[in-house]
N, C-alpha and C. Protein backbone atom coordinates (compact mmCIF):
# COMPACT_ATOMS: atom_id res chain seq x y z
N MET A 1 70.26 114.68 107.55
CA MET A 1 71.23 113.11 107.02
C MET A 1 71.04 113.15 105.59
N SER A 2 72.20 112.48 105.05
CA SER A 2 72.11 112.10 103.70
C SER A 2 71.55 110.64 104.07
N THR A 3 70.73 110.44 102.74
CA THR A 3 70.13 109.00 102.48
C THR A 3 71.24 108.05 102.42
N SER A 4 70.74 106.99 102.60
CA SER A 4 71.72 105.56 102.07
C SER A 4 71.97 105.37 100.95
N ALA A 5 71.33 105.92 99.94
CA ALA A 5 71.75 106.27 98.61
C ALA A 5 72.71 107.16 98.14
N ASP A 6 73.12 107.99 99.11
CA ASP A 6 73.98 109.15 98.73
C ASP A 6 75.67 108.23 99.01
N PRO A 7 76.62 108.24 98.08
CA PRO A 7 77.75 107.96 98.50
C PRO A 7 78.52 108.60 99.73
N ILE A 8 78.33 109.69 100.40
CA ILE A 8 78.74 110.48 101.31
C ILE A 8 78.10 110.00 102.37
N LEU A 9 78.24 109.50 103.45
CA LEU A 9 77.35 109.63 104.60
C LEU A 9 77.94 110.85 105.62
N VAL A 10 76.78 111.62 105.70
CA VAL A 10 76.76 112.75 106.53
C VAL A 10 75.50 112.72 107.67
N PRO A 11 75.93 112.44 108.74
CA PRO A 11 75.08 112.11 110.14
C PRO A 11 74.41 113.67 110.28
N THR A 12 73.14 113.60 110.64
CA THR A 12 72.47 114.56 111.38
C THR A 12 73.10 115.05 112.75
N ASP A 13 73.76 114.07 113.10
CA ASP A 13 74.22 114.71 114.58
C ASP A 13 75.59 113.66 115.13
N TYR A 14 76.78 114.49 114.95
CA TYR A 14 77.73 113.79 115.10
C TYR A 14 78.04 113.47 116.56
N PHE A 15 77.17 113.48 117.55
CA PHE A 15 77.19 113.47 118.94
C PHE A 15 76.41 112.44 119.47
N ARG A 16 75.98 111.67 118.94
CA ARG A 16 75.71 110.28 119.37
C ARG A 16 75.74 109.15 118.13
N GLU A 17 75.60 107.98 119.18
CA GLU A 17 76.11 106.65 118.16
C GLU A 17 74.90 106.35 117.01
N LEU A 18 75.36 106.02 115.82
CA LEU A 18 74.46 105.65 115.10
C LEU A 18 74.12 104.64 114.84
N THR A 19 72.62 104.34 114.28
CA THR A 19 72.26 102.92 114.08
C THR A 19 72.89 102.35 112.67
N PRO A 20 72.83 100.78 112.65
CA PRO A 20 73.28 100.40 111.33
C PRO A 20 72.38 100.90 110.36
N GLN A 21 71.31 100.96 110.35
CA GLN A 21 70.04 101.43 109.26
C GLN A 21 70.40 102.86 108.89
N GLU A 22 71.02 103.80 109.77
CA GLU A 22 71.38 104.98 109.39
C GLU A 22 72.64 104.97 108.65
N ILE A 23 73.55 104.04 108.54
CA ILE A 23 74.65 103.83 107.85
C ILE A 23 74.20 103.26 106.22
N PHE A 24 73.61 102.08 106.42
CA PHE A 24 72.87 101.54 105.09
C PHE A 24 71.54 101.04 105.48
N ALA A 25 70.58 101.11 104.72
CA ALA A 25 69.12 100.83 104.78
C ALA A 25 69.11 99.64 105.33
N ASP A 26 69.64 98.34 104.45
CA ASP A 26 69.92 96.88 104.82
C ASP A 26 70.64 97.00 105.84
N GLY A 27 70.52 97.47 106.94
CA GLY A 27 71.84 97.46 107.82
C GLY A 27 72.03 96.07 108.53
N GLU A 28 71.41 94.78 108.09
CA GLU A 28 71.48 93.67 108.63
C GLU A 28 72.56 92.73 107.64
N ARG A 29 73.14 93.31 106.82
CA ARG A 29 74.09 92.70 105.90
C ARG A 29 75.39 92.91 106.70
N PRO A 30 76.39 91.82 106.01
CA PRO A 30 77.84 92.17 106.91
C PRO A 30 78.29 93.52 106.28
N LEU A 31 79.07 93.90 107.17
CA LEU A 31 79.71 95.61 106.95
C LEU A 31 81.33 95.40 107.01
N GLU A 32 81.63 95.87 106.19
CA GLU A 32 83.44 96.07 106.56
C GLU A 32 83.72 97.50 106.49
N LEU A 33 84.83 97.80 107.37
CA LEU A 33 85.21 99.37 107.38
C LEU A 33 86.67 99.16 106.99
N ASP A 34 86.89 100.44 106.14
CA ASP A 34 88.12 100.88 105.79
C ASP A 34 88.51 102.09 106.52
N LEU A 35 89.54 102.00 107.40
CA LEU A 35 89.90 103.30 108.08
C LEU A 35 91.04 103.73 107.57
N GLY A 36 90.78 105.28 107.08
CA GLY A 36 91.90 106.00 106.42
C GLY A 36 91.74 105.46 104.95
N SER A 37 90.59 105.54 104.40
CA SER A 37 90.36 105.03 102.96
C SER A 37 90.83 105.56 101.80
N GLY A 38 91.48 106.91 101.94
CA GLY A 38 92.40 107.41 100.90
C GLY A 38 91.48 107.76 99.87
N ASP A 39 92.00 107.50 98.63
CA ASP A 39 91.16 108.08 97.35
C ASP A 39 89.80 107.05 96.93
N GLY A 40 90.09 105.97 97.72
CA GLY A 40 88.72 104.97 97.48
C GLY A 40 89.29 103.92 96.54
N THR A 41 90.34 103.65 96.27
CA THR A 41 90.60 102.57 95.43
C THR A 41 90.48 101.07 95.90
N PHE A 42 90.94 101.01 97.13
CA PHE A 42 90.73 99.83 97.77
C PHE A 42 88.98 99.27 98.17
N LEU A 43 88.91 100.69 98.70
CA LEU A 43 87.12 100.67 99.01
C LEU A 43 86.45 100.00 98.02
N VAL A 44 86.54 100.82 96.73
CA VAL A 44 85.59 100.63 95.94
C VAL A 44 85.74 99.21 95.01
N GLU A 45 86.96 98.95 95.01
CA GLU A 45 87.33 97.48 94.49
C GLU A 45 86.70 96.01 95.52
N MET A 46 86.69 96.53 96.58
CA MET A 46 86.06 95.47 97.42
C MET A 46 84.61 95.45 97.43
N ALA A 47 84.16 96.48 97.32
CA ALA A 47 82.66 96.75 97.30
C ALA A 47 82.56 96.20 95.90
N ALA A 48 82.86 96.17 94.76
CA ALA A 48 82.67 95.69 93.38
C ALA A 48 82.59 93.90 93.79
N LEU A 49 83.82 93.56 94.39
CA LEU A 49 84.13 92.29 94.37
C LEU A 49 82.94 91.58 95.32
N HIS A 50 82.32 92.40 96.28
CA HIS A 50 81.58 91.59 97.24
C HIS A 50 80.24 92.45 97.28
N PRO A 51 79.40 92.29 96.25
CA PRO A 51 78.17 92.94 96.35
C PRO A 51 77.35 92.76 97.40
N GLU A 52 77.51 91.41 97.99
CA GLU A 52 76.76 90.94 99.03
C GLU A 52 77.13 91.62 100.26
N ARG A 53 78.04 92.12 100.28
CA ARG A 53 78.47 93.00 101.80
C ARG A 53 78.40 94.48 101.49
N ASN A 54 78.21 95.27 102.67
CA ASN A 54 78.33 96.61 102.69
C ASN A 54 79.75 97.09 103.08
N PHE A 55 80.11 98.46 102.79
CA PHE A 55 81.30 99.04 102.89
C PHE A 55 81.47 100.36 103.38
N LEU A 56 82.23 100.62 104.37
CA LEU A 56 81.99 102.19 104.83
C LEU A 56 83.59 102.52 104.82
N GLY A 57 83.66 103.55 104.15
CA GLY A 57 85.35 104.19 104.04
C GLY A 57 85.31 105.38 105.26
N VAL A 58 86.20 105.55 105.80
CA VAL A 58 86.31 106.48 106.76
C VAL A 58 87.66 107.50 106.52
N GLU A 59 87.46 108.50 106.07
CA GLU A 59 88.41 109.29 105.71
C GLU A 59 88.22 110.92 105.86
N ARG A 60 89.54 111.60 106.19
CA ARG A 60 88.96 112.94 107.01
C ARG A 60 89.59 113.92 105.97
N LEU A 61 90.17 113.70 104.92
CA LEU A 61 90.32 114.74 103.90
C LEU A 61 89.29 114.77 102.75
N LEU A 62 88.95 116.25 102.64
CA LEU A 62 87.63 116.20 101.78
C LEU A 62 87.85 115.88 100.66
N GLY A 63 89.04 116.16 99.75
CA GLY A 63 89.34 115.85 98.55
C GLY A 63 89.31 114.41 98.44
N ARG A 64 89.86 113.77 99.07
CA ARG A 64 89.59 112.14 98.97
C ARG A 64 88.39 111.66 99.25
N VAL A 65 87.51 112.16 99.97
CA VAL A 65 86.46 111.78 100.14
C VAL A 65 85.47 111.91 98.84
N GLU A 66 85.65 113.15 98.06
CA GLU A 66 84.80 113.44 97.12
C GLU A 66 85.51 112.51 95.86
N LYS A 67 86.58 112.24 95.85
CA LYS A 67 87.35 111.48 94.69
C LYS A 67 86.53 109.98 94.92
N THR A 68 86.55 109.71 96.39
CA THR A 68 85.83 108.20 96.60
C THR A 68 84.39 108.29 96.11
N ALA A 69 83.59 109.31 96.31
CA ALA A 69 82.32 109.35 96.10
C ALA A 69 81.98 109.14 94.34
N LYS A 70 82.90 110.11 93.75
CA LYS A 70 82.91 109.81 92.36
C LYS A 70 83.26 108.45 91.68
N ARG A 71 84.30 108.03 92.29
CA ARG A 71 84.14 106.57 91.99
C ARG A 71 83.15 105.74 92.14
N ILE A 72 82.59 105.83 93.40
CA ILE A 72 81.34 105.01 93.48
C ILE A 72 80.15 105.28 92.54
N ARG A 73 79.96 106.57 92.14
CA ARG A 73 78.76 106.92 91.44
C ARG A 73 79.09 106.62 89.99
N GLN A 74 80.41 106.38 89.55
CA GLN A 74 81.05 106.05 88.33
C GLN A 74 80.70 104.54 88.07
N ARG A 75 80.81 103.83 89.20
CA ARG A 75 80.81 102.32 89.12
C ARG A 75 79.36 101.77 89.48
N GLY A 76 78.37 103.12 89.87
CA GLY A 76 77.22 102.54 90.27
C GLY A 76 76.83 101.49 91.20
N LEU A 77 77.88 101.43 92.26
CA LEU A 77 77.73 100.63 93.42
C LEU A 77 76.86 101.38 94.52
N LYS A 78 75.93 100.60 95.07
CA LYS A 78 75.14 100.76 96.04
C LYS A 78 75.43 100.48 97.40
N ASN A 79 76.27 99.68 97.49
CA ASN A 79 76.92 99.04 98.67
C ASN A 79 78.12 99.54 99.40
N VAL A 80 78.24 100.73 98.96
CA VAL A 80 79.53 101.52 99.68
C VAL A 80 79.51 102.83 99.85
N ARG A 81 79.98 103.60 100.81
CA ARG A 81 79.65 104.85 101.18
C ARG A 81 81.08 105.11 101.76
N VAL A 82 81.24 106.42 101.95
CA VAL A 82 82.19 107.03 102.58
C VAL A 82 81.97 108.11 103.66
N LEU A 83 82.43 108.33 104.88
CA LEU A 83 82.36 109.18 105.82
C LEU A 83 83.62 110.31 106.05
N ARG A 84 83.31 111.51 106.14
CA ARG A 84 84.26 112.42 106.19
C ARG A 84 84.73 112.29 107.71
N LEU A 85 85.68 112.01 108.38
CA LEU A 85 85.53 112.02 109.60
C LEU A 85 86.78 111.65 110.31
N GLU A 86 87.44 111.80 111.39
CA GLU A 86 88.66 110.97 112.17
C GLU A 86 88.57 109.89 112.47
N THR A 87 89.42 109.03 112.31
CA THR A 87 89.35 107.51 112.65
C THR A 87 89.05 107.14 113.77
N THR A 88 89.69 107.85 114.96
CA THR A 88 89.63 107.33 116.57
C THR A 88 88.00 107.71 116.96
N TYR A 89 87.58 109.00 116.63
CA TYR A 89 86.42 109.53 117.18
C TYR A 89 85.18 108.51 116.38
N THR A 90 85.18 108.10 115.45
CA THR A 90 84.33 107.25 114.33
C THR A 90 84.28 105.86 115.04
N VAL A 91 85.20 105.52 115.51
CA VAL A 91 84.91 104.26 116.13
C VAL A 91 84.86 104.04 117.50
N ALA A 92 85.41 104.94 118.02
CA ALA A 92 84.93 105.23 119.52
C ALA A 92 83.57 105.72 120.10
N TRP A 93 83.21 106.66 119.19
CA TRP A 93 81.89 107.05 119.76
C TRP A 93 80.85 106.87 118.85
N LEU A 94 80.90 107.08 117.45
CA LEU A 94 79.87 107.30 116.44
C LEU A 94 79.37 106.13 115.92
N LEU A 95 80.38 105.00 115.85
CA LEU A 95 79.56 103.72 115.08
C LEU A 95 79.12 102.74 116.15
N PRO A 96 78.16 102.00 116.04
CA PRO A 96 77.61 100.88 116.83
C PRO A 96 78.30 99.97 117.47
N ALA A 97 78.01 99.16 118.53
CA ALA A 97 78.91 97.74 118.73
C ALA A 97 78.53 96.80 117.89
N ASN A 98 79.55 95.97 117.57
CA ASN A 98 79.12 94.90 116.93
C ASN A 98 78.57 95.13 115.32
N LEU A 99 79.22 96.13 115.03
CA LEU A 99 78.78 96.59 113.48
C LEU A 99 79.42 95.92 112.48
N ALA A 100 80.84 95.70 112.67
CA ALA A 100 81.69 95.34 111.59
C ALA A 100 81.84 93.97 111.44
N SER A 101 81.93 93.28 110.38
CA SER A 101 82.47 91.98 110.38
C SER A 101 84.14 91.86 109.91
N ARG A 102 84.57 93.08 109.32
CA ARG A 102 85.97 93.29 108.96
C ARG A 102 86.55 94.55 109.27
N ILE A 103 87.46 95.00 109.76
CA ILE A 103 88.20 95.93 109.85
C ILE A 103 89.57 96.42 109.11
N HIS A 104 89.59 97.22 108.09
CA HIS A 104 90.93 97.24 107.38
C HIS A 104 91.68 98.38 107.63
N LEU A 105 92.75 98.43 108.01
CA LEU A 105 93.95 99.53 108.04
C LEU A 105 94.98 99.46 107.35
N LEU A 106 95.02 99.97 106.11
CA LEU A 106 95.61 99.75 105.32
C LEU A 106 96.55 101.04 105.21
N CYS A 107 97.97 100.77 105.13
CA CYS A 107 99.20 102.15 104.56
C CYS A 107 98.99 103.26 105.69
N PRO A 108 98.58 103.10 107.11
CA PRO A 108 98.41 104.16 107.86
C PRO A 108 99.84 104.84 108.07
N ASP A 109 99.68 106.16 108.23
CA ASP A 109 100.85 106.97 108.83
C ASP A 109 101.54 106.38 109.96
N PRO A 110 102.87 105.93 109.55
CA PRO A 110 103.56 105.13 110.73
C PRO A 110 104.29 106.28 111.71
N TRP A 111 103.96 107.53 111.71
CA TRP A 111 104.91 108.56 112.36
C TRP A 111 106.04 107.85 112.72
N PRO A 112 107.10 108.02 111.71
CA PRO A 112 108.46 107.28 112.20
C PRO A 112 109.27 107.83 113.05
N LYS A 113 109.12 109.33 113.49
CA LYS A 113 110.06 109.85 114.34
C LYS A 113 109.99 109.51 115.52
N LYS A 114 110.62 109.18 116.39
CA LYS A 114 110.50 108.77 117.85
C LYS A 114 109.49 109.74 118.50
N LYS A 115 109.83 111.11 118.30
CA LYS A 115 108.85 112.12 119.09
C LYS A 115 107.33 112.07 118.92
N HIS A 116 107.34 111.25 117.54
CA HIS A 116 106.18 111.63 117.12
C HIS A 116 105.13 110.23 117.43
N HIS A 117 105.88 109.16 118.01
CA HIS A 117 105.29 107.89 118.26
C HIS A 117 103.72 107.81 119.04
N GLY A 118 103.82 108.89 119.96
CA GLY A 118 102.65 108.77 120.64
C GLY A 118 101.29 109.05 119.60
N ARG A 119 101.59 109.48 118.54
CA ARG A 119 100.53 109.80 117.60
C ARG A 119 100.00 108.66 116.64
N ARG A 120 100.78 107.51 116.89
CA ARG A 120 100.51 106.46 116.17
C ARG A 120 98.98 105.78 116.45
N LEU A 121 98.36 105.57 115.63
CA LEU A 121 96.90 104.86 115.89
C LEU A 121 96.71 104.12 117.15
N LEU A 122 97.68 103.05 116.92
CA LEU A 122 97.25 102.00 117.86
C LEU A 122 98.04 102.32 119.27
N ASN A 123 98.57 103.63 119.45
CA ASN A 123 98.94 104.24 120.63
C ASN A 123 98.12 104.37 121.49
N ASP A 124 96.57 104.65 120.77
CA ASP A 124 95.64 105.44 121.40
C ASP A 124 94.62 104.63 121.99
N PRO A 125 94.47 104.74 123.35
CA PRO A 125 93.56 103.75 123.97
C PRO A 125 92.23 103.83 123.43
N GLU A 126 91.69 105.09 123.11
CA GLU A 126 90.20 105.03 122.84
C GLU A 126 90.48 104.56 121.30
N PHE A 127 91.25 104.35 120.40
CA PHE A 127 90.88 103.72 119.27
C PHE A 127 91.06 102.52 119.54
N LEU A 128 91.96 101.91 120.53
CA LEU A 128 91.72 100.22 120.85
C LEU A 128 90.36 99.55 121.39
N ALA A 129 90.02 100.87 122.34
CA ALA A 129 88.76 100.47 122.73
C ALA A 129 87.45 100.52 121.97
N GLY A 130 87.69 101.29 120.84
CA GLY A 130 86.73 101.38 119.62
C GLY A 130 86.91 100.15 118.69
N LEU A 131 88.30 99.54 118.45
CA LEU A 131 88.12 98.72 117.78
C LEU A 131 87.55 97.21 118.32
N HIS A 132 87.86 97.21 119.79
CA HIS A 132 86.99 96.10 120.41
C HIS A 132 85.45 96.24 120.49
N LYS A 133 84.90 97.58 120.24
CA LYS A 133 83.60 97.48 120.32
C LYS A 133 83.00 97.46 119.19
N VAL A 134 83.55 97.83 118.06
CA VAL A 134 82.92 97.77 116.48
C VAL A 134 82.93 96.79 115.87
N LEU A 135 83.92 96.05 116.09
CA LEU A 135 84.10 94.57 115.43
C LEU A 135 83.41 93.22 116.43
N ARG A 136 82.73 92.58 115.26
CA ARG A 136 81.96 91.48 116.00
C ARG A 136 82.83 90.47 116.36
N ASP A 137 82.23 89.56 117.23
CA ASP A 137 82.85 88.56 117.67
C ASP A 137 83.17 87.71 116.43
N GLY A 138 84.52 87.14 116.29
CA GLY A 138 84.55 86.31 115.14
C GLY A 138 85.03 87.32 113.89
N GLY A 139 84.86 88.41 114.07
CA GLY A 139 85.24 89.36 112.77
C GLY A 139 86.77 89.49 112.97
N GLU A 140 87.36 90.26 111.71
CA GLU A 140 88.80 90.02 111.62
C GLU A 140 89.05 91.52 111.52
N PHE A 141 90.46 91.86 112.36
CA PHE A 141 91.13 93.04 111.94
C PHE A 141 92.47 92.84 111.03
N LEU A 142 92.53 93.66 109.80
CA LEU A 142 93.24 93.38 108.98
C LEU A 142 94.36 94.67 108.76
N VAL A 143 95.78 94.74 108.94
CA VAL A 143 96.78 95.67 108.67
C VAL A 143 97.34 95.41 107.61
N LYS A 144 98.22 96.56 106.83
CA LYS A 144 99.28 96.46 105.95
C LYS A 144 100.14 97.72 106.18
N THR A 145 101.28 97.63 105.98
CA THR A 145 102.06 98.65 106.35
C THR A 145 103.37 98.39 105.41
N ASP A 146 103.97 99.58 104.96
CA ASP A 146 105.30 99.50 104.24
C ASP A 146 106.50 99.78 105.23
N ASP A 147 106.09 100.12 106.14
CA ASP A 147 107.30 100.64 107.32
C ASP A 147 107.50 99.27 108.37
N HIS A 148 108.39 98.75 108.37
CA HIS A 148 108.63 97.71 109.26
C HIS A 148 108.43 97.98 110.64
N HIS A 149 109.22 99.28 110.99
CA HIS A 149 109.37 99.21 112.52
C HIS A 149 107.92 99.52 113.02
N TYR A 150 107.13 100.14 112.08
CA TYR A 150 105.61 100.29 112.42
C TYR A 150 104.96 98.92 112.36
N TYR A 151 105.35 97.97 111.49
CA TYR A 151 104.88 96.71 111.56
C TYR A 151 105.28 95.86 112.76
N GLU A 152 106.25 96.05 113.45
CA GLU A 152 106.78 95.46 114.46
C GLU A 152 105.95 95.98 115.96
N HIS A 153 105.69 97.18 115.71
CA HIS A 153 105.11 98.05 116.89
C HIS A 153 103.69 97.56 116.64
N VAL A 154 103.01 97.36 115.72
CA VAL A 154 101.34 96.78 115.38
C VAL A 154 101.40 95.34 116.02
N LEU A 155 102.32 94.54 115.88
CA LEU A 155 102.31 93.25 116.16
C LEU A 155 102.33 93.25 117.75
N GLU A 156 103.37 93.88 118.47
CA GLU A 156 103.64 94.36 119.79
C GLU A 156 102.22 94.47 120.59
N VAL A 157 101.60 95.79 119.84
CA VAL A 157 100.46 96.12 120.37
C VAL A 157 99.27 94.86 120.71
N MET A 158 99.13 94.42 119.34
CA MET A 158 98.14 93.28 119.23
C MET A 158 98.49 92.35 120.09
N ALA A 159 99.49 91.75 120.36
CA ALA A 159 99.89 90.63 121.26
C ALA A 159 99.48 90.87 122.51
N GLY A 160 98.99 91.99 123.07
CA GLY A 160 98.71 92.51 124.37
C GLY A 160 97.19 92.51 124.38
N GLN A 161 96.58 92.27 123.08
CA GLN A 161 95.04 92.47 123.32
C GLN A 161 94.26 90.97 123.16
N ALA A 162 94.14 90.76 124.49
CA ALA A 162 93.82 89.22 124.89
C ALA A 162 92.56 88.52 124.20
N ARG A 163 91.75 89.65 123.77
CA ARG A 163 90.48 88.95 122.55
C ARG A 163 90.79 88.77 121.14
N PHE A 164 92.22 89.17 121.09
CA PHE A 164 92.48 88.96 119.82
C PHE A 164 93.39 87.84 119.18
N GLN A 165 93.13 87.05 118.55
CA GLN A 165 94.14 85.96 117.98
C GLN A 165 94.65 86.01 116.47
N ARG A 166 95.77 85.88 116.42
CA ARG A 166 96.38 86.33 115.19
C ARG A 166 96.16 85.04 114.43
N LEU A 167 95.91 85.50 112.77
CA LEU A 167 95.63 84.43 111.86
C LEU A 167 96.95 84.62 110.54
N ASP A 168 97.02 83.41 110.07
CA ASP A 168 97.98 83.33 108.85
C ASP A 168 97.22 84.33 107.84
N TRP A 169 98.22 84.85 106.95
CA TRP A 169 97.57 85.56 106.01
C TRP A 169 98.76 85.36 104.50
N PRO A 170 98.65 84.35 104.37
CA PRO A 170 99.38 84.07 103.20
C PRO A 170 98.88 84.78 101.97
N GLU A 171 100.04 84.97 101.05
CA GLU A 171 100.07 85.78 99.81
C GLU A 171 98.95 84.92 98.73
N GLY A 172 97.89 85.69 98.63
CA GLY A 172 97.01 85.04 97.71
C GLY A 172 95.87 83.96 98.38
N ALA A 173 95.80 84.52 99.68
CA ALA A 173 94.67 83.74 100.32
C ALA A 173 93.39 84.07 100.05
N PHE A 174 93.10 85.50 99.63
CA PHE A 174 91.75 85.67 99.36
C PHE A 174 91.95 87.13 98.34
N PRO A 175 90.95 87.27 97.63
CA PRO A 175 91.00 88.49 96.95
C PRO A 175 91.24 89.75 97.96
N TYR A 176 92.31 90.61 97.35
CA TYR A 176 92.43 91.58 98.21
C TYR A 176 93.09 92.61 97.66
N PRO A 177 92.44 93.66 97.03
CA PRO A 177 92.79 94.73 96.16
C PRO A 177 93.97 95.50 96.55
N LYS A 178 94.71 96.25 96.16
CA LYS A 178 95.62 96.92 96.51
C LYS A 178 95.19 98.46 96.83
N THR A 179 95.84 99.26 98.01
CA THR A 179 95.18 100.75 98.08
C THR A 179 96.41 101.19 97.04
N ASP A 180 95.91 102.81 97.04
CA ASP A 180 96.77 103.80 96.28
C ASP A 180 97.99 103.91 96.85
N PHE A 181 98.22 103.98 97.99
CA PHE A 181 99.68 104.13 98.81
C PHE A 181 100.36 102.86 98.25
N GLU A 182 99.57 101.55 98.45
CA GLU A 182 100.43 100.27 98.16
C GLU A 182 100.99 100.20 96.67
N VAL A 183 100.22 100.88 95.91
CA VAL A 183 100.89 100.65 94.54
C VAL A 183 101.86 101.62 94.46
N GLN A 184 101.63 102.76 95.00
CA GLN A 184 103.12 103.66 95.01
C GLN A 184 104.06 102.81 95.33
N TRP A 185 104.00 102.17 96.95
CA TRP A 185 105.27 101.64 97.46
C TRP A 185 105.92 100.49 96.70
N LEU A 186 105.13 99.88 96.05
CA LEU A 186 105.56 98.62 95.25
C LEU A 186 106.34 99.09 94.14
N ALA A 187 105.73 99.99 93.38
CA ALA A 187 106.41 100.93 92.25
C ALA A 187 107.81 101.30 92.76
N LEU A 188 108.03 101.49 93.93
CA LEU A 188 109.29 101.97 94.51
C LEU A 188 110.21 100.86 95.00
N SER A 189 109.70 99.68 94.64
CA SER A 189 110.05 98.24 95.19
C SER A 189 110.17 98.35 96.54
N LYS A 190 109.40 98.89 97.60
CA LYS A 190 109.25 98.58 98.69
C LYS A 190 108.58 97.56 98.92
N SER A 191 108.85 96.72 100.20
CA SER A 191 108.07 95.74 100.72
C SER A 191 106.73 95.98 101.59
N VAL A 192 105.43 95.49 101.49
CA VAL A 192 104.60 95.80 102.14
C VAL A 192 104.34 94.42 102.77
N GLU A 193 104.20 94.85 104.35
CA GLU A 193 104.01 93.60 105.61
C GLU A 193 102.42 93.54 105.71
N ARG A 194 101.95 92.54 105.98
CA ARG A 194 100.43 92.38 106.48
C ARG A 194 100.26 91.29 107.89
N ALA A 195 99.18 91.81 108.25
CA ALA A 195 98.94 90.61 109.71
C ALA A 195 97.52 90.98 109.66
N ARG A 196 96.92 89.78 110.32
CA ARG A 196 95.40 90.02 110.56
C ARG A 196 95.26 89.07 111.47
N TRP A 197 94.04 89.36 112.52
CA TRP A 197 93.59 88.83 113.69
C TRP A 197 92.04 88.34 113.62
N ARG A 198 91.72 87.52 114.49
CA ARG A 198 90.20 87.53 114.76
C ARG A 198 89.81 88.01 115.91
N LYS A 199 88.76 88.70 116.24
CA LYS A 199 88.21 88.85 117.31
C LYS A 199 87.61 87.61 118.13
N LEU A 200 88.09 87.26 119.61
CA LEU A 200 87.44 86.23 120.14
C LEU A 200 86.31 86.60 120.94
N PRO A 201 85.24 85.56 121.24
CA PRO A 201 84.25 85.86 122.29
C PRO A 201 84.88 86.06 123.62
N PRO A 202 83.93 86.71 124.27
CA PRO A 202 84.43 86.72 125.76
C PRO A 202 84.59 85.61 126.37
N VAL A 203 85.40 85.19 127.33
CA VAL A 203 85.41 84.04 128.29
C VAL A 203 84.48 83.96 129.15
N VAL A 204 83.58 82.92 129.15
CA VAL A 204 82.59 83.08 130.32
C VAL A 204 82.81 81.77 131.30
């Protein structure tokens, strides 16, 4: 397996749950996940802004993973890594429970055609189960998209998740870099919508 100093996380075994220390040697620090991290623009900027936190990007395309790793090395950052793997499998099976203080899902593929709606990430029960598992109580799930219909779909799905409470997210509420996709959409005068939720503790 790669060491925690390597920008690319390569598990020795993809068929068992990792420990926090296998992801980062200082596994007790708050960790944020960027699902579908693209070329690492957002991921790397967040890691630079918050050296007291760890960041893990999940991206299935090799070229994007390599570009992210190059950015990490160029910036000399030690608190950020990227994993080349599919998102649902990562959160549902590979990552341990209560790992993340924040999970970011930014500009995901909206699968706009009706016949493809079943492929949307939040339509997958495994992904939702993994989201519940990996996010700590009190942790946040943040979503951005340029597709209004997909945005409405996300709001509908999350409204049905009993342990998630929607939070306000006004413009400029906290530092939040743009992804490579968001920069492209805004250059085309598209609007980008956002929403965030907090995971509530179980009712006892």
